[in-house]
Amino acid sequence: NAAIQARVKLFLTRIPEELYDFGKDPDGLNNLAKSPEYRKQLLQFRKEMTDWMIKQNDPEQKKYQSFLKGK
């Protein structure tokens, strides 16, 4: 199935971290994750994600922490 193949390819090759300003970019075309002016917001979202994963006892939380250590 070509649609499933395309979806799998997206998940295997997509950028590991994304941040969009959907107010200014409703189609999510401009990834702001590496933009210095959005650094504070990105760090806040990372903290919120970590807290949520811990609260939910998410089994992927350790992988996420490893990912963040590489940042």
N, C-alpha and C. Protein backbone atom coordinates (compact mmCIF):
# COMPACT_ATOMS: atom_id res chain seq x y z
N ASN A 1 0.84 -1.18 0.00
CA ASN A 1 0.00 0.00 0.00
C ASN A 1 0.89 1.24 0.00
N ALA A 2 0.79 2.03 -1.03
CA ALA A 2 1.65 3.21 -1.19
C ALA A 2 1.43 4.25 -0.10
N ALA A 3 0.19 4.43 0.35
CA ALA A 3 -0.09 5.43 1.39
C ALA A 3 0.57 5.03 2.71
N ILE A 4 0.50 3.78 3.05
CA ILE A 4 1.14 3.29 4.29
C ILE A 4 2.65 3.40 4.17
N GLN A 5 3.19 3.07 3.02
CA GLN A 5 4.63 3.17 2.78
C GLN A 5 5.11 4.61 2.95
N ALA A 6 4.36 5.56 2.41
CA ALA A 6 4.72 6.98 2.54
C ALA A 6 4.66 7.43 3.99
N ARG A 7 3.66 6.96 4.72
CA ARG A 7 3.52 7.33 6.14
C ARG A 7 4.68 6.78 6.96
N VAL A 8 5.07 5.55 6.72
CA VAL A 8 6.20 4.93 7.42
C VAL A 8 7.48 5.69 7.11
N LYS A 9 7.68 6.05 5.85
CA LYS A 9 8.87 6.82 5.45
C LYS A 9 8.92 8.14 6.20
N LEU A 10 7.78 8.82 6.34
CA LEU A 10 7.72 10.09 7.06
C LEU A 10 8.22 9.91 8.50
N PHE A 11 7.73 8.87 9.18
CA PHE A 11 8.12 8.66 10.57
C PHE A 11 9.59 8.24 10.71
N LEU A 12 10.13 7.59 9.71
CA LEU A 12 11.53 7.16 9.78
C LEU A 12 12.51 8.28 9.45
N THR A 13 12.06 9.27 8.68
CA THR A 13 13.00 10.29 8.21
C THR A 13 12.69 11.70 8.72
N ARG A 14 11.63 11.86 9.48
CA ARG A 14 11.26 13.20 9.93
C ARG A 14 12.27 13.77 10.93
N ILE A 15 12.24 15.05 11.07
CA ILE A 15 13.10 15.75 12.02
C ILE A 15 12.69 15.34 13.43
N PRO A 16 13.66 15.04 14.32
CA PRO A 16 13.31 14.53 15.65
C PRO A 16 12.60 15.53 16.56
N GLU A 17 12.72 16.81 16.29
CA GLU A 17 12.07 17.80 17.14
C GLU A 17 11.51 18.92 16.27
N GLU A 18 10.25 19.26 16.53
CA GLU A 18 9.59 20.27 15.73
C GLU A 18 8.88 21.27 16.62
N LEU A 19 8.87 22.52 16.18
CA LEU A 19 8.18 23.60 16.89
C LEU A 19 7.66 24.57 15.84
N TYR A 20 6.35 24.82 15.89
CA TYR A 20 5.73 25.68 14.90
C TYR A 20 4.91 26.77 15.58
N ASP A 21 4.83 27.92 14.93
CA ASP A 21 3.94 29.00 15.34
C ASP A 21 2.76 28.96 14.37
N PHE A 22 1.73 28.20 14.75
CA PHE A 22 0.61 28.02 13.84
C PHE A 22 -0.20 29.29 13.63
N GLY A 23 -0.05 30.28 14.50
CA GLY A 23 -0.69 31.57 14.28
C GLY A 23 -0.10 32.28 13.07
N LYS A 24 1.21 32.20 12.92
CA LYS A 24 1.90 32.83 11.80
C LYS A 24 2.10 31.88 10.62
N ASP A 25 2.12 30.58 10.91
CA ASP A 25 2.43 29.56 9.90
C ASP A 25 1.41 28.42 10.04
N PRO A 26 0.15 28.64 9.62
CA PRO A 26 -0.91 27.66 9.85
C PRO A 26 -0.67 26.30 9.19
N ASP A 27 0.17 26.26 8.17
CA ASP A 27 0.45 24.99 7.50
C ASP A 27 1.65 24.26 8.10
N GLY A 28 2.30 24.85 9.10
CA GLY A 28 3.44 24.22 9.75
C GLY A 28 4.58 23.95 8.78
N LEU A 29 4.95 24.94 8.00
CA LEU A 29 6.01 24.78 7.01
C LEU A 29 7.38 25.21 7.52
N ASN A 30 7.41 26.02 8.58
CA ASN A 30 8.67 26.57 9.08
C ASN A 30 8.95 26.03 10.49
N ASN A 31 9.84 25.05 10.58
CA ASN A 31 10.21 24.46 11.86
C ASN A 31 11.09 25.44 12.63
N LEU A 32 10.64 25.84 13.81
CA LEU A 32 11.34 26.85 14.62
C LEU A 32 12.19 26.24 15.74
N ALA A 33 12.32 24.93 15.77
CA ALA A 33 13.01 24.26 16.87
C ALA A 33 14.45 24.72 17.05
N LYS A 34 15.09 25.17 15.99
CA LYS A 34 16.48 25.62 16.11
C LYS A 34 16.62 27.14 16.08
N SER A 35 15.51 27.84 16.12
CA SER A 35 15.54 29.30 16.09
C SER A 35 15.84 29.87 17.47
N PRO A 36 16.89 30.68 17.61
CA PRO A 36 17.26 31.23 18.92
C PRO A 36 16.12 32.01 19.60
N GLU A 37 15.31 32.70 18.83
CA GLU A 37 14.24 33.50 19.44
C GLU A 37 13.12 32.64 20.04
N TYR A 38 13.10 31.35 19.71
CA TYR A 38 12.10 30.45 20.28
C TYR A 38 12.70 29.47 21.29
N ARG A 39 13.96 29.68 21.63
CA ARG A 39 14.66 28.76 22.54
C ARG A 39 13.96 28.62 23.90
N LYS A 40 13.56 29.74 24.49
CA LYS A 40 12.91 29.71 25.80
C LYS A 40 11.61 28.89 25.74
N GLN A 41 10.82 29.11 24.71
CA GLN A 41 9.57 28.36 24.54
C GLN A 41 9.85 26.87 24.35
N LEU A 42 10.86 26.55 23.55
CA LEU A 42 11.22 25.16 23.32
C LEU A 42 11.62 24.47 24.62
N LEU A 43 12.43 25.14 25.42
CA LEU A 43 12.85 24.56 26.70
C LEU A 43 11.66 24.34 27.63
N GLN A 44 10.70 25.27 27.62
CA GLN A 44 9.50 25.12 28.43
C GLN A 44 8.68 23.91 27.97
N PHE A 45 8.54 23.76 26.66
CA PHE A 45 7.79 22.61 26.13
C PHE A 45 8.50 21.29 26.46
N ARG A 46 9.82 21.29 26.40
CA ARG A 46 10.57 20.07 26.77
C ARG A 46 10.31 19.70 28.23
N LYS A 47 10.31 20.70 29.10
CA LYS A 47 10.05 20.45 30.52
C LYS A 47 8.65 19.90 30.72
N GLU A 48 7.67 20.51 30.07
CA GLU A 48 6.29 20.05 30.19
C GLU A 48 6.15 18.62 29.68
N MET A 49 6.83 18.30 28.58
CA MET A 49 6.78 16.94 28.04
C MET A 49 7.41 15.95 29.02
N THR A 50 8.55 16.30 29.56
CA THR A 50 9.22 15.43 30.53
C THR A 50 8.33 15.19 31.75
N ASP A 51 7.76 16.25 32.30
CA ASP A 51 6.89 16.12 33.47
C ASP A 51 5.70 15.23 33.17
N TRP A 52 5.09 15.40 32.01
CA TRP A 52 3.93 14.61 31.63
C TRP A 52 4.31 13.15 31.47
N MET A 53 5.45 12.89 30.82
CA MET A 53 5.88 11.51 30.61
C MET A 53 6.15 10.81 31.94
N ILE A 54 6.76 11.52 32.87
CA ILE A 54 7.03 10.94 34.20
C ILE A 54 5.70 10.65 34.90
N LYS A 55 4.79 11.60 34.86
CA LYS A 55 3.48 11.43 35.51
C LYS A 55 2.72 10.24 34.93
N GLN A 56 2.84 10.03 33.63
CA GLN A 56 2.14 8.94 32.95
C GLN A 56 2.89 7.62 33.01
N ASN A 57 4.09 7.64 33.60
CA ASN A 57 4.94 6.45 33.63
C ASN A 57 5.18 5.93 32.21
N ASP A 58 5.46 6.86 31.33
CA ASP A 58 5.65 6.55 29.91
C ASP A 58 6.91 5.70 29.72
N PRO A 59 6.80 4.54 29.07
CA PRO A 59 7.98 3.69 28.88
C PRO A 59 9.04 4.30 27.96
N GLU A 60 8.67 5.32 27.19
CA GLU A 60 9.63 5.97 26.29
C GLU A 60 10.34 7.15 26.96
N GLN A 61 10.03 7.42 28.20
CA GLN A 61 10.58 8.58 28.90
C GLN A 61 12.11 8.54 28.95
N LYS A 62 12.69 7.38 29.17
CA LYS A 62 14.16 7.28 29.23
C LYS A 62 14.78 7.60 27.88
N LYS A 63 14.16 7.16 26.81
CA LYS A 63 14.67 7.48 25.47
C LYS A 63 14.58 8.99 25.22
N TYR A 64 13.48 9.58 25.68
CA TYR A 64 13.32 11.02 25.51
C TYR A 64 14.41 11.78 26.28
N GLN A 65 14.70 11.35 27.48
CA GLN A 65 15.76 11.99 28.27
C GLN A 65 17.11 11.84 27.58
N SER A 66 17.37 10.68 27.00
CA SER A 66 18.62 10.49 26.24
C SER A 66 18.68 11.43 25.06
N PHE A 67 17.55 11.60 24.37
CA PHE A 67 17.49 12.54 23.25
C PHE A 67 17.82 13.95 23.72
N LEU A 68 17.24 14.37 24.84
CA LEU A 68 17.49 15.72 25.35
C LEU A 68 18.93 15.94 25.78
N LYS A 69 19.57 14.91 26.29
CA LYS A 69 20.98 15.04 26.68
C LYS A 69 21.88 15.34 25.50
N GLY A 70 21.47 14.91 24.33
CA GLY A 70 22.24 15.18 23.11
C GLY A 70 22.01 16.57 22.55
N LYS A 71 21.14 17.33 23.18
CA LYS A 71 20.80 18.69 22.69
C LYS A 71 21.66 19.74 23.31
